[in-house]
Amino acid sequence: MAIPHASSLVESSVPPPDGDALFDVGLRLVERHDGGREAREFELLGLRWDLVPQVFAPVHTDSTELFTEWLPFPVGGSLLEVGCGAGVTAVMAALAGCARVTALDINPEAVRNTELNAVRHGVADRVRVLRSDLYDALAPGERFDVVFWNSNVICAPEEFVYTRPMQYAIFDRSYATHYRYLRDGLTRLTSSGRLFLGFNSLGDAERLHSLAAESGVRITERERTTRRAGDVPVTFQLLEVAP
């Protein structure tokens, strides 16, 4: 079954007025992305891709397409993608000339999905895929020229319990993963490496910048665009994290 790309299904089509409403939007997003029970295909960035059940579907949001186009892939170098989902960004990085790509995801179905797409597009020899909670599966000394995460921007309350794999792609409980990403990300870079975060207006920007200050890093916006779903503007940002 093929899935059409639809800008009208941008994730943030219903911007919430407060935290409770935002959490409700997140619950609806989980249902939208987790609705399919059969393996499917979709088209993005001029290529066809496999999509397996319980994996974040890039056709329901512009984020994957935008961030993949915006990222400065290190040709001949190495890239780490945290939260690889269906594997679009990791595979495109390899196709763009990255010599070594590592893709991580906490969802085992996303790991399988990325492996399928790496094989499909002939880059399995350059794309290593690991099941990992953030950086946990990496060896202590591993470093990369570019590190990137299209983050799960909706902040869930501290008492939230993850019960479905798709929830990890949408919610970050108390922004704990964002904090770890900011705090430890620079240690995963080569001497000239760069750390990027994909963010959007569903996220808690105030909390993100507070965590950056606590972590001793600064955040700079590198790219921004606003897409619309009906009359609702949704802003996507590619942020760079530096000392």
C-alpha atoms as a PDB file:
ATOM      1  CA  MET A   1       0.000   0.000   0.000  1.00  0.00           C
ATOM      2  CA  ALA A   2       1.410   3.375  -0.971  1.00  0.00           C
ATOM      3  CA  ILE A   3       0.986   6.435   1.243  1.00  0.00           C
ATOM      4  CA  PRO A   4       0.702   9.827  -0.495  1.00  0.00           C
ATOM      5  CA  HIS A   5       2.739  12.701   0.865  1.00  0.00           C
ATOM      6  CA  ALA A   6       0.300  15.290   2.236  1.00  0.00           C
ATOM      7  CA  SER A   7       1.399  18.685   3.520  1.00  0.00           C
ATOM      8  CA  SER A   8      -2.095  19.084   4.948  1.00  0.00           C
ATOM      9  CA  LEU A   9      -1.116  16.432   7.506  1.00  0.00           C
ATOM     10  CA  VAL A  10       1.664  18.502   9.045  1.00  0.00           C
ATOM     11  CA  GLU A  11       2.120  17.347  12.632  1.00  0.00           C
ATOM     12  CA  SER A  12       1.365  20.679  14.188  1.00  0.00           C
ATOM     13  CA  SER A  13      -1.913  21.285  12.371  1.00  0.00           C
ATOM     14  CA  VAL A  14      -3.617  22.029  15.701  1.00  0.00           C
ATOM     15  CA  PRO A  15      -1.397  24.335  17.751  1.00  0.00           C
ATOM     16  CA  PRO A  16      -2.347  24.018  21.408  1.00  0.00           C
ATOM     17  CA  PRO A  17      -2.965  26.990  23.683  1.00  0.00           C
ATOM     18  CA  ASP A  18      -1.435  25.333  26.750  1.00  0.00           C
ATOM     19  CA  GLY A  19       0.438  22.290  27.980  1.00  0.00           C
ATOM     20  CA  ASP A  20      -2.631  20.097  28.480  1.00  0.00           C
ATOM     21  CA  ALA A  21      -3.891  20.808  24.980  1.00  0.00           C
ATOM     22  CA  LEU A  22      -0.409  20.183  23.605  1.00  0.00           C
ATOM     23  CA  PHE A  23      -0.331  16.777  25.287  1.00  0.00           C
ATOM     24  CA  ASP A  24      -3.702  15.975  23.691  1.00  0.00           C
ATOM     25  CA  VAL A  25      -2.275  16.912  20.289  1.00  0.00           C
ATOM     26  CA  GLY A  26       0.561  14.492  20.961  1.00  0.00           C
ATOM     27  CA  LEU A  27      -1.873  11.686  21.748  1.00  0.00           C
ATOM     28  CA  ARG A  28      -3.637  12.294  18.434  1.00  0.00           C
ATOM     29  CA  LEU A  29      -0.304  12.291  16.622  1.00  0.00           C
ATOM     30  CA  VAL A  30       0.524   8.909  18.123  1.00  0.00           C
ATOM     31  CA  GLU A  31      -2.742   7.544  16.747  1.00  0.00           C
ATOM     32  CA  ARG A  32      -2.126   9.071  13.320  1.00  0.00           C
ATOM     33  CA  HIS A  33       1.378   7.665  12.985  1.00  0.00           C
ATOM     34  CA  ASP A  34       0.552   4.342  14.625  1.00  0.00           C
ATOM     35  CA  GLY A  35      -2.601   3.660  12.650  1.00  0.00           C
ATOM     36  CA  GLY A  36      -1.243   1.327   9.980  1.00  0.00           C
ATOM     37  CA  ARG A  37      -0.915  -2.370  10.685  1.00  0.00           C
ATOM     38  CA  GLU A  38       0.488  -3.464   7.317  1.00  0.00           C
ATOM     39  CA  ALA A  39       3.850  -2.775   5.705  1.00  0.00           C
ATOM     40  CA  ARG A  40       3.549   0.092   3.236  1.00  0.00           C
ATOM     41  CA  GLU A  41       5.551   2.329   0.932  1.00  0.00           C
ATOM     42  CA  PHE A  42       5.807   6.073   0.552  1.00  0.00           C
ATOM     43  CA  GLU A  43       7.593   8.569  -1.680  1.00  0.00           C
ATOM     44  CA  LEU A  44       9.834  11.321  -0.346  1.00  0.00           C
ATOM     45  CA  LEU A  45      12.730  13.331  -1.773  1.00  0.00           C
ATOM     46  CA  GLY A  46      12.264  11.664  -5.140  1.00  0.00           C
ATOM     47  CA  LEU A  47      12.667   8.094  -3.847  1.00  0.00           C
ATOM     48  CA  ARG A  48      10.427   5.252  -2.715  1.00  0.00           C
ATOM     49  CA  TRP A  49      10.720   4.015   0.860  1.00  0.00           C
ATOM     50  CA  ASP A  50       9.521   1.106   2.967  1.00  0.00           C
ATOM     51  CA  LEU A  51       7.442   1.877   6.053  1.00  0.00           C
ATOM     52  CA  VAL A  52       6.734  -0.817   8.609  1.00  0.00           C
ATOM     53  CA  PRO A  53       4.031  -0.643  11.299  1.00  0.00           C
ATOM     54  CA  GLN A  54       4.722   1.211  14.563  1.00  0.00           C
ATOM     55  CA  VAL A  55       7.316   3.515  12.942  1.00  0.00           C
ATOM     56  CA  PHE A  56       7.087   7.314  12.630  1.00  0.00           C
ATOM     57  CA  ALA A  57       5.701   8.076   9.152  1.00  0.00           C
ATOM     58  CA  PRO A  58       7.530  10.980   7.435  1.00  0.00           C
ATOM     59  CA  VAL A  59       4.525  11.616   5.181  1.00  0.00           C
ATOM     60  CA  HIS A  60       2.474  13.024   8.067  1.00  0.00           C
ATOM     61  CA  THR A  61       4.837  15.937   8.664  1.00  0.00           C
ATOM     62  CA  ASP A  62       7.259  18.082   6.680  1.00  0.00           C
ATOM     63  CA  SER A  63       9.986  17.714   9.310  1.00  0.00           C
ATOM     64  CA  THR A  64      11.956  14.790   7.839  1.00  0.00           C
ATOM     65  CA  GLU A  65      11.983  16.293   4.359  1.00  0.00           C
ATOM     66  CA  LEU A  66      13.017  19.741   5.571  1.00  0.00           C
ATOM     67  CA  PHE A  67      15.745  18.628   7.959  1.00  0.00           C
ATOM     68  CA  THR A  68      17.203  16.190   5.433  1.00  0.00           C
ATOM     69  CA  GLU A  69      17.420  18.988   2.875  1.00  0.00           C
ATOM     70  CA  TRP A  70      18.897  21.455   5.389  1.00  0.00           C
ATOM     71  CA  LEU A  71      21.547  19.285   7.047  1.00  0.00           C
ATOM     72  CA  PRO A  72      25.159  19.793   5.904  1.00  0.00           C
ATOM     73  CA  PHE A  73      26.075  16.181   5.218  1.00  0.00           C
ATOM     74  CA  PRO A  74      29.825  15.650   5.722  1.00  0.00           C
ATOM     75  CA  VAL A  75      30.851  14.163   2.377  1.00  0.00           C
ATOM     76  CA  GLY A  76      33.553  11.602   3.012  1.00  0.00           C
ATOM     77  CA  GLY A  77      32.969  11.885   6.756  1.00  0.00           C
ATOM     78  CA  SER A  78      30.693  10.436   9.424  1.00  0.00           C
ATOM     79  CA  LEU A  79      27.154  11.177  10.564  1.00  0.00           C
ATOM     80  CA  LEU A  80      25.174  10.032  13.591  1.00  0.00           C
ATOM     81  CA  GLU A  81      21.400  10.231  13.480  1.00  0.00           C
ATOM     82  CA  VAL A  82      19.563   9.842  16.765  1.00  0.00           C
ATOM     83  CA  GLY A  83      15.959   8.674  16.354  1.00  0.00           C
ATOM     84  CA  CYS A  84      16.248   7.427  12.777  1.00  0.00           C
ATOM     85  CA  GLY A  85      12.637   6.273  12.312  1.00  0.00           C
ATOM     86  CA  ALA A  86      12.181   4.938   8.786  1.00  0.00           C
ATOM     87  CA  GLY A  87      15.774   5.827   7.949  1.00  0.00           C
ATOM     88  CA  VAL A  88      15.250   8.533   5.354  1.00  0.00           C
ATOM     89  CA  THR A  89      17.852  10.980   6.671  1.00  0.00           C
ATOM     90  CA  ALA A  90      20.457   8.284   7.375  1.00  0.00           C
ATOM     91  CA  VAL A  91      20.082   6.752   3.917  1.00  0.00           C
ATOM     92  CA  MET A  92      20.124  10.138   2.179  1.00  0.00           C
ATOM     93  CA  ALA A  93      23.310  11.001   4.061  1.00  0.00           C
ATOM     94  CA  ALA A  94      24.973   7.877   2.701  1.00  0.00           C
ATOM     95  CA  LEU A  95      23.672   8.590  -0.804  1.00  0.00           C
ATOM     96  CA  ALA A  96      25.053  12.132  -0.497  1.00  0.00           C
ATOM     97  CA  GLY A  97      28.551  10.773   0.106  1.00  0.00           C
ATOM     98  CA  CYS A  98      28.963  10.179   3.839  1.00  0.00           C
ATOM     99  CA  ALA A  99      31.465   7.386   4.277  1.00  0.00           C
ATOM    100  CA  ARG A 100      30.069   6.213   7.614  1.00  0.00           C
ATOM    101  CA  VAL A 101      26.527   6.634   8.932  1.00  0.00           C
ATOM    102  CA  THR A 102      25.266   5.393  12.284  1.00  0.00           C
ATOM    103  CA  ALA A 103      21.516   5.426  12.885  1.00  0.00           C
ATOM    104  CA  LEU A 104      20.030   4.931  16.356  1.00  0.00           C
ATOM    105  CA  ASP A 105      16.476   4.397  17.560  1.00  0.00           C
ATOM    106  CA  ILE A 106      14.907   3.135  20.766  1.00  0.00           C
ATOM    107  CA  ASN A 107      12.126   1.466  18.742  1.00  0.00           C
ATOM    108  CA  PRO A 108      13.232  -1.962  17.388  1.00  0.00           C
ATOM    109  CA  GLU A 109      10.791  -1.631  14.491  1.00  0.00           C
ATOM    110  CA  ALA A 110      12.489   1.624  13.455  1.00  0.00           C
ATOM    111  CA  VAL A 111      15.829  -0.193  13.492  1.00  0.00           C
ATOM    112  CA  ARG A 112      14.380  -2.839  11.172  1.00  0.00           C
ATOM    113  CA  ASN A 113      12.774  -0.185   8.967  1.00  0.00           C
ATOM    114  CA  THR A 114      16.035   1.730   8.544  1.00  0.00           C
ATOM    115  CA  GLU A 115      17.884  -1.472   7.703  1.00  0.00           C
ATOM    116  CA  LEU A 116      15.265  -2.268   5.030  1.00  0.00           C
ATOM    117  CA  ASN A 117      15.672   1.148   3.428  1.00  0.00           C
ATOM    118  CA  ALA A 118      19.463   1.008   3.581  1.00  0.00           C
ATOM    119  CA  VAL A 119      19.321  -2.278   1.649  1.00  0.00           C
ATOM    120  CA  ARG A 120      16.683  -0.942  -0.723  1.00  0.00           C
ATOM    121  CA  HIS A 121      18.881   2.004  -1.726  1.00  0.00           C
ATOM    122  CA  GLY A 122      22.193   0.139  -1.825  1.00  0.00           C
ATOM    123  CA  VAL A 123      23.929   1.749   1.148  1.00  0.00           C
ATOM    124  CA  ALA A 124      23.771  -1.022   3.744  1.00  0.00           C
ATOM    125  CA  ASP A 125      27.573  -1.215   3.699  1.00  0.00           C
ATOM    126  CA  ARG A 126      27.760   2.392   4.955  1.00  0.00           C
ATOM    127  CA  VAL A 127      24.747   2.553   7.286  1.00  0.00           C
ATOM    128  CA  ARG A 128      24.998   0.868  10.679  1.00  0.00           C
ATOM    129  CA  VAL A 129      21.724   0.719  12.621  1.00  0.00           C
ATOM    130  CA  LEU A 130      21.540   0.123  16.376  1.00  0.00           C
ATOM    131  CA  ARG A 131      18.751  -0.047  18.912  1.00  0.00           C
ATOM    132  CA  SER A 132      19.676   2.593  21.452  1.00  0.00           C
ATOM    133  CA  ASP A 133      18.272   4.951  24.067  1.00  0.00           C
ATOM    134  CA  LEU A 134      19.994   8.098  22.836  1.00  0.00           C
ATOM    135  CA  TYR A 135      23.772   7.409  22.815  1.00  0.00           C
ATOM    136  CA  ASP A 136      23.728   4.304  25.048  1.00  0.00           C
ATOM    137  CA  ALA A 137      24.625   1.741  22.353  1.00  0.00           C
ATOM    138  CA  LEU A 138      27.693   3.650  21.147  1.00  0.00           C
ATOM    139  CA  ALA A 139      31.210   2.765  22.220  1.00  0.00           C
ATOM    140  CA  PRO A 140      32.685   5.358  24.624  1.00  0.00           C
ATOM    141  CA  GLY A 141      35.180   6.716  22.101  1.00  0.00           C
ATOM    142  CA  GLU A 142      32.975   6.994  19.028  1.00  0.00           C
ATOM    143  CA  ARG A 143      32.962  10.454  17.450  1.00  0.00           C
ATOM    144  CA  PHE A 144      31.178  11.883  14.401  1.00  0.00           C
ATOM    145  CA  ASP A 145      31.498  14.852  12.067  1.00  0.00           C
ATOM    146  CA  VAL A 146      27.767  15.594  12.299  1.00  0.00           C
ATOM    147  CA  VAL A 147      25.291  14.511  14.962  1.00  0.00           C
ATOM    148  CA  PHE A 148      21.573  15.112  14.368  1.00  0.00           C
ATOM    149  CA  TRP A 149      18.267  14.448  16.121  1.00  0.00           C
ATOM    150  CA  ASN A 150      14.798  15.276  14.817  1.00  0.00           C
ATOM    151  CA  SER A 151      13.502  15.441  18.355  1.00  0.00           C
ATOM    152  CA  ASN A 152      10.275  14.276  19.974  1.00  0.00           C
ATOM    153  CA  VAL A 153       9.317  17.829  20.865  1.00  0.00           C
ATOM    154  CA  ILE A 154       6.140  17.397  22.929  1.00  0.00           C
ATOM    155  CA  CYS A 155       6.949  17.535  26.614  1.00  0.00           C
ATOM    156  CA  ALA A 156       5.133  14.859  28.625  1.00  0.00           C
ATOM    157  CA  PRO A 157       4.586  15.168  32.382  1.00  0.00           C
ATOM    158  CA  GLU A 158       6.879  13.373  34.805  1.00  0.00           C
ATOM    159  CA  GLU A 159       4.238  10.758  35.615  1.00  0.00           C
ATOM    160  CA  PHE A 160       3.778   9.785  31.951  1.00  0.00           C
ATOM    161  CA  VAL A 161       4.431   6.090  31.223  1.00  0.00           C
ATOM    162  CA  TYR A 162       5.466   4.961  27.732  1.00  0.00           C
ATOM    163  CA  THR A 163       3.290   2.025  26.679  1.00  0.00           C
ATOM    164  CA  ARG A 164       3.705   2.053  22.868  1.00  0.00           C
ATOM    165  CA  PRO A 165       6.832   2.379  20.708  1.00  0.00           C
ATOM    166  CA  MET A 166       5.368   5.310  18.758  1.00  0.00           C
ATOM    167  CA  GLN A 167       5.108   7.409  21.920  1.00  0.00           C
ATOM    168  CA  TYR A 168       8.919   7.694  22.006  1.00  0.00           C
ATOM    169  CA  ALA A 169       8.789   9.499  18.641  1.00  0.00           C
ATOM    170  CA  ILE A 170       6.288  12.083  19.903  1.00  0.00           C
ATOM    171  CA  PHE A 171       6.800  12.635  23.639  1.00  0.00           C
ATOM    172  CA  ASP A 172       9.817  13.432  25.818  1.00  0.00           C
ATOM    173  CA  ARG A 173       8.991  12.989  29.490  1.00  0.00           C
ATOM    174  CA  SER A 174      10.098  16.125  31.378  1.00  0.00           C
ATOM    175  CA  TYR A 175      12.453  16.859  28.459  1.00  0.00           C
ATOM    176  CA  ALA A 176      14.925  14.399  29.967  1.00  0.00           C
ATOM    177  CA  THR A 177      16.138  13.211  26.555  1.00  0.00           C
ATOM    178  CA  HIS A 178      16.592  16.775  25.326  1.00  0.00           C
ATOM    179  CA  TYR A 179      18.711  17.463  28.392  1.00  0.00           C
ATOM    180  CA  ARG A 180      20.911  14.414  27.772  1.00  0.00           C
ATOM    181  CA  TYR A 181      21.228  15.282  24.087  1.00  0.00           C
ATOM    182  CA  LEU A 182      22.437  18.798  24.890  1.00  0.00           C
ATOM    183  CA  ARG A 183      24.614  17.786  27.841  1.00  0.00           C
ATOM    184  CA  ASP A 184      26.432  14.887  26.140  1.00  0.00           C
ATOM    185  CA  GLY A 185      26.180  15.677  22.440  1.00  0.00           C
ATOM    186  CA  LEU A 186      29.370  17.697  22.124  1.00  0.00           C
ATOM    187  CA  THR A 187      31.362  14.762  23.533  1.00  0.00           C
ATOM    188  CA  ARG A 188      30.281  12.742  20.488  1.00  0.00           C
ATOM    189  CA  LEU A 189      31.827  15.153  17.985  1.00  0.00           C
ATOM    190  CA  THR A 190      35.142  15.099  16.184  1.00  0.00           C
ATOM    191  CA  SER A 191      37.372  18.143  16.638  1.00  0.00           C
ATOM    192  CA  SER A 192      35.520  20.001  13.878  1.00  0.00           C
ATOM    193  CA  GLY A 193      32.177  18.251  14.331  1.00  0.00           C
ATOM    194  CA  ARG A 194      28.751  19.901  14.485  1.00  0.00           C
ATOM    195  CA  LEU A 195      25.698  19.082  16.602  1.00  0.00           C
ATOM    196  CA  PHE A 196      22.200  19.747  15.226  1.00  0.00           C
ATOM    197  CA  LEU A 197      18.683  19.529  16.611  1.00  0.00           C
ATOM    198  CA  GLY A 198      15.489  19.448  14.578  1.00  0.00           C
ATOM    199  CA  PHE A 199      12.749  21.318  16.444  1.00  0.00           C
ATOM    200  CA  ASN A 200       9.311  22.788  15.754  1.00  0.00           C
ATOM    201  CA  SER A 201       6.699  25.035  17.298  1.00  0.00           C
ATOM    202  CA  LEU A 202       4.983  22.174  19.123  1.00  0.00           C
ATOM    203  CA  GLY A 203       8.008  22.043  21.410  1.00  0.00           C
ATOM    204  CA  ASP A 204       8.768  23.924  24.606  1.00  0.00           C
ATOM    205  CA  ALA A 205      11.381  26.403  23.387  1.00  0.00           C
ATOM    206  CA  GLU A 206      11.667  28.114  26.762  1.00  0.00           C
ATOM    207  CA  ARG A 207      12.502  24.849  28.490  1.00  0.00           C
ATOM    208  CA  LEU A 208      14.919  23.890  25.731  1.00  0.00           C
ATOM    209  CA  HIS A 209      16.923  27.104  26.122  1.00  0.00           C
ATOM    210  CA  SER A 210      16.877  26.729  29.903  1.00  0.00           C
ATOM    211  CA  LEU A 211      18.329  23.227  29.559  1.00  0.00           C
ATOM    212  CA  ALA A 212      20.944  24.554  27.138  1.00  0.00           C
ATOM    213  CA  ALA A 213      22.068  27.129  29.708  1.00  0.00           C
ATOM    214  CA  GLU A 214      22.174  24.429  32.376  1.00  0.00           C
ATOM    215  CA  SER A 215      24.263  22.231  30.075  1.00  0.00           C
ATOM    216  CA  GLY A 216      26.714  25.001  29.247  1.00  0.00           C
ATOM    217  CA  VAL A 217      25.873  25.144  25.540  1.00  0.00           C
ATOM    218  CA  ARG A 218      24.324  27.735  23.270  1.00  0.00           C
ATOM    219  CA  ILE A 219      21.694  27.199  20.580  1.00  0.00           C
ATOM    220  CA  THR A 220      21.742  28.980  17.223  1.00  0.00           C
ATOM    221  CA  GLU A 221      19.007  28.797  14.625  1.00  0.00           C
ATOM    222  CA  ARG A 222      20.413  27.789  11.230  1.00  0.00           C
ATOM    223  CA  GLU A 223      17.238  27.281   9.201  1.00  0.00           C
ATOM    224  CA  ARG A 224      13.580  28.127   9.688  1.00  0.00           C
ATOM    225  CA  THR A 225      10.415  27.865   7.668  1.00  0.00           C
ATOM    226  CA  THR A 226       6.731  28.047   8.391  1.00  0.00           C
ATOM    227  CA  ARG A 227       4.292  25.714   6.731  1.00  0.00           C
ATOM    228  CA  ARG A 228       0.534  25.947   6.968  1.00  0.00           C
ATOM    229  CA  ALA A 229      -2.193  23.399   7.604  1.00  0.00           C
ATOM    230  CA  GLY A 230      -5.366  25.256   6.798  1.00  0.00           C
ATOM    231  CA  ASP A 231      -5.029  28.557   8.646  1.00  0.00           C
ATOM    232  CA  VAL A 232      -2.517  27.234  11.176  1.00  0.00           C
ATOM    233  CA  PRO A 233       1.177  28.203  10.889  1.00  0.00           C
ATOM    234  CA  VAL A 234       3.754  25.627  11.979  1.00  0.00           C
ATOM    235  CA  THR A 235       7.412  26.622  12.302  1.00  0.00           C
ATOM    236  CA  PHE A 236      10.214  24.115  11.767  1.00  0.00           C
ATOM    237  CA  GLN A 237      13.743  24.983  12.896  1.00  0.00           C
ATOM    238  CA  LEU A 238      17.141  23.422  12.386  1.00  0.00           C
ATOM    239  CA  LEU A 239      19.130  24.408  15.471  1.00  0.00           C
ATOM    240  CA  GLU A 240      22.877  24.083  16.021  1.00  0.00           C
ATOM    241  CA  VAL A 241      24.306  23.382  19.474  1.00  0.00           C
ATOM    242  CA  ALA A 242      27.782  24.660  20.325  1.00  0.00           C
ATOM    243  CA  PRO A 243      29.900  25.344  23.438  1.00  0.00           C
END
